[in-house]
Amino acid sequence: MPSNRILGILLLVVGVVLLGLAYQQSQGLLDQAKHFFTGEFRDKTMWMMIGGGVATVLGVVTLAMPRPA
């Protein structure tokens, strides 16, 4: 298996896990209270959402790139 494919799968898995953890954390009491009063989530939750989204997109792009001949 080419190293680019392994990297793409790894990035995709890490991204999905980070997004899942960020979603779970955003449903917690502290995040819900901050979101209710300020309209924003906590910084840690936002960075997990951003990092998970970036890793997921990079993983999909890496997997979608054609393999060198």
N, C-alpha and C. Protein backbone atom coordinates (compact mmCIF):
# COMPACT_ATOMS: atom_id res chain seq x y z
N MET A 1 0.85 -1.17 0.00
CA MET A 1 0.00 0.00 0.00
C MET A 1 0.90 1.24 0.00
N PRO A 2 0.67 2.16 -0.92
CA PRO A 2 1.51 3.37 -0.99
C PRO A 2 1.38 4.23 0.28
N SER A 3 2.46 4.92 0.58
CA SER A 3 2.47 5.74 1.80
C SER A 3 1.45 6.88 1.74
N ASN A 4 1.17 7.41 0.54
CA ASN A 4 0.17 8.48 0.43
C ASN A 4 -1.22 7.97 0.83
N ARG A 5 -1.52 6.75 0.46
CA ARG A 5 -2.81 6.17 0.80
C ARG A 5 -2.93 5.97 2.31
N ILE A 6 -1.86 5.48 2.92
CA ILE A 6 -1.85 5.29 4.38
C ILE A 6 -2.02 6.63 5.08
N LEU A 7 -1.30 7.65 4.60
CA LEU A 7 -1.42 8.98 5.19
C LEU A 7 -2.84 9.52 5.05
N GLY A 8 -3.46 9.32 3.89
CA GLY A 8 -4.83 9.78 3.67
C GLY A 8 -5.82 9.10 4.60
N ILE A 9 -5.66 7.79 4.77
CA ILE A 9 -6.56 7.06 5.67
C ILE A 9 -6.35 7.51 7.11
N LEU A 10 -5.10 7.69 7.50
CA LEU A 10 -4.79 8.14 8.85
C LEU A 10 -5.38 9.53 9.12
N LEU A 11 -5.21 10.45 8.19
CA LEU A 11 -5.77 11.80 8.36
C LEU A 11 -7.30 11.75 8.43
N LEU A 12 -7.91 10.92 7.61
CA LEU A 12 -9.36 10.80 7.62
C LEU A 12 -9.86 10.26 8.96
N VAL A 13 -9.21 9.23 9.47
CA VAL A 13 -9.62 8.64 10.75
C VAL A 13 -9.43 9.64 11.89
N VAL A 14 -8.27 10.30 11.93
CA VAL A 14 -8.01 11.29 12.99
C VAL A 14 -9.02 12.43 12.91
N GLY A 15 -9.32 12.89 11.69
CA GLY A 15 -10.28 13.97 11.53
C GLY A 15 -11.67 13.61 12.01
N VAL A 16 -12.11 12.41 11.66
CA VAL A 16 -13.45 11.98 12.09
C VAL A 16 -13.50 11.81 13.61
N VAL A 17 -12.44 11.27 14.19
CA VAL A 17 -12.39 11.12 15.65
C VAL A 17 -12.42 12.49 16.33
N LEU A 18 -11.64 13.43 15.83
CA LEU A 18 -11.64 14.78 16.42
C LEU A 18 -13.01 15.44 16.30
N LEU A 19 -13.66 15.29 15.14
CA LEU A 19 -14.99 15.86 14.98
C LEU A 19 -15.99 15.21 15.93
N GLY A 20 -15.88 13.91 16.11
CA GLY A 20 -16.77 13.22 17.05
C GLY A 20 -16.55 13.67 18.48
N LEU A 21 -15.28 13.80 18.87
CA LEU A 21 -14.99 14.28 20.23
C LEU A 21 -15.44 15.72 20.43
N ALA A 22 -15.26 16.55 19.41
CA ALA A 22 -15.69 17.95 19.51
C ALA A 22 -17.21 18.03 19.64
N TYR A 23 -17.92 17.20 18.87
CA TYR A 23 -19.38 17.21 18.97
C TYR A 23 -19.82 16.77 20.37
N GLN A 24 -19.19 15.70 20.87
CA GLN A 24 -19.53 15.21 22.20
C GLN A 24 -19.24 16.27 23.26
N GLN A 25 -18.11 16.95 23.12
CA GLN A 25 -17.76 17.99 24.08
C GLN A 25 -18.70 19.19 23.98
N SER A 26 -19.16 19.50 22.77
CA SER A 26 -20.04 20.65 22.60
C SER A 26 -21.40 20.43 23.24
N GLN A 27 -21.74 19.18 23.52
CA GLN A 27 -23.02 18.88 24.16
C GLN A 27 -22.93 18.88 25.68
N GLY A 28 -21.73 19.11 26.21
CA GLY A 28 -21.52 19.14 27.66
C GLY A 28 -22.10 20.39 28.29
N LEU A 29 -22.24 20.36 29.60
CA LEU A 29 -22.87 21.45 30.34
C LEU A 29 -22.11 22.77 30.19
N LEU A 30 -20.78 22.75 30.30
CA LEU A 30 -20.01 23.99 30.20
C LEU A 30 -20.14 24.62 28.82
N ASP A 31 -20.02 23.80 27.78
CA ASP A 31 -20.14 24.34 26.43
C ASP A 31 -21.55 24.85 26.15
N GLN A 32 -22.54 24.14 26.63
CA GLN A 32 -23.92 24.57 26.42
C GLN A 32 -24.20 25.90 27.14
N ALA A 33 -23.67 26.04 28.36
CA ALA A 33 -23.87 27.29 29.10
C ALA A 33 -23.18 28.45 28.40
N LYS A 34 -21.94 28.25 27.95
CA LYS A 34 -21.24 29.33 27.26
C LYS A 34 -21.95 29.67 25.95
N HIS A 35 -22.40 28.64 25.23
CA HIS A 35 -23.09 28.87 23.97
C HIS A 35 -24.41 29.62 24.20
N PHE A 36 -25.08 29.32 25.28
CA PHE A 36 -26.34 29.99 25.59
C PHE A 36 -26.13 31.48 25.87
N PHE A 37 -25.08 31.79 26.64
CA PHE A 37 -24.87 33.18 27.04
C PHE A 37 -24.09 34.00 26.01
N THR A 38 -23.16 33.39 25.28
CA THR A 38 -22.32 34.16 24.37
C THR A 38 -22.53 33.82 22.90
N GLY A 39 -23.16 32.70 22.63
CA GLY A 39 -23.33 32.27 21.24
C GLY A 39 -22.10 31.59 20.68
N GLU A 40 -21.11 31.31 21.51
CA GLU A 40 -19.86 30.68 21.07
C GLU A 40 -19.58 29.44 21.92
N PHE A 41 -18.79 28.53 21.37
CA PHE A 41 -18.33 27.38 22.14
C PHE A 41 -17.00 27.73 22.79
N ARG A 42 -16.55 26.87 23.70
CA ARG A 42 -15.26 27.09 24.34
C ARG A 42 -14.15 26.96 23.30
N ASP A 43 -12.98 27.56 23.58
CA ASP A 43 -11.86 27.55 22.64
C ASP A 43 -11.40 26.14 22.31
N LYS A 44 -11.32 25.27 23.32
CA LYS A 44 -10.86 23.90 23.09
C LYS A 44 -11.78 23.18 22.11
N THR A 45 -13.07 23.37 22.27
CA THR A 45 -14.04 22.73 21.39
C THR A 45 -13.92 23.27 19.97
N MET A 46 -13.74 24.58 19.84
CA MET A 46 -13.61 25.17 18.51
C MET A 46 -12.36 24.66 17.81
N TRP A 47 -11.24 24.58 18.53
CA TRP A 47 -10.00 24.10 17.90
C TRP A 47 -10.12 22.63 17.50
N MET A 48 -10.84 21.83 18.29
CA MET A 48 -11.06 20.44 17.91
C MET A 48 -11.93 20.35 16.66
N MET A 49 -12.94 21.21 16.55
CA MET A 49 -13.79 21.22 15.35
C MET A 49 -12.98 21.62 14.12
N ILE A 50 -12.18 22.67 14.27
CA ILE A 50 -11.37 23.16 13.14
C ILE A 50 -10.33 22.11 12.75
N GLY A 51 -9.62 21.57 13.72
CA GLY A 51 -8.60 20.56 13.43
C GLY A 51 -9.20 19.30 12.81
N GLY A 52 -10.34 18.88 13.32
CA GLY A 52 -11.00 17.71 12.75
C GLY A 52 -11.47 17.94 11.33
N GLY A 53 -12.00 19.12 11.07
CA GLY A 53 -12.45 19.45 9.72
C GLY A 53 -11.29 19.51 8.74
N VAL A 54 -10.20 20.14 9.15
CA VAL A 54 -9.02 20.25 8.28
C VAL A 54 -8.43 18.87 8.01
N ALA A 55 -8.28 18.05 9.06
CA ALA A 55 -7.71 16.71 8.88
C ALA A 55 -8.60 15.85 7.99
N THR A 56 -9.91 15.96 8.14
CA THR A 56 -10.83 15.19 7.31
C THR A 56 -10.72 15.60 5.84
N VAL A 57 -10.72 16.89 5.59
CA VAL A 57 -10.61 17.38 4.21
C VAL A 57 -9.27 16.96 3.59
N LEU A 58 -8.18 17.11 4.34
CA LEU A 58 -6.87 16.71 3.83
C LEU A 58 -6.81 15.20 3.56
N GLY A 59 -7.45 14.42 4.42
CA GLY A 59 -7.49 12.98 4.20
C GLY A 59 -8.24 12.61 2.94
N VAL A 60 -9.39 13.25 2.71
CA VAL A 60 -10.17 12.98 1.51
C VAL A 60 -9.41 13.42 0.26
N VAL A 61 -8.78 14.59 0.32
CA VAL A 61 -8.02 15.08 -0.83
C VAL A 61 -6.84 14.15 -1.12
N THR A 62 -6.14 13.71 -0.08
CA THR A 62 -5.02 12.80 -0.27
C THR A 62 -5.46 11.48 -0.90
N LEU A 63 -6.60 10.97 -0.46
CA LEU A 63 -7.10 9.71 -1.03
C LEU A 63 -7.62 9.91 -2.45
N ALA A 64 -8.11 11.09 -2.79
CA ALA A 64 -8.67 11.34 -4.11
C ALA A 64 -7.60 11.63 -5.16
N MET A 65 -6.40 11.98 -4.73
CA MET A 65 -5.33 12.28 -5.69
C MET A 65 -4.94 11.01 -6.43
N PRO A 66 -4.72 11.11 -7.74
CA PRO A 66 -4.32 9.92 -8.50
C PRO A 66 -2.92 9.45 -8.08
N ARG A 67 -2.74 8.14 -8.13
CA ARG A 67 -1.44 7.59 -7.78
C ARG A 67 -0.46 7.81 -8.93
N PRO A 68 0.80 8.08 -8.58
CA PRO A 68 1.80 8.24 -9.64
C PRO A 68 2.02 6.91 -10.37
N ALA A 69 2.25 7.01 -11.64
CA ALA A 69 2.41 5.78 -12.45
C ALA A 69 3.74 5.12 -12.28
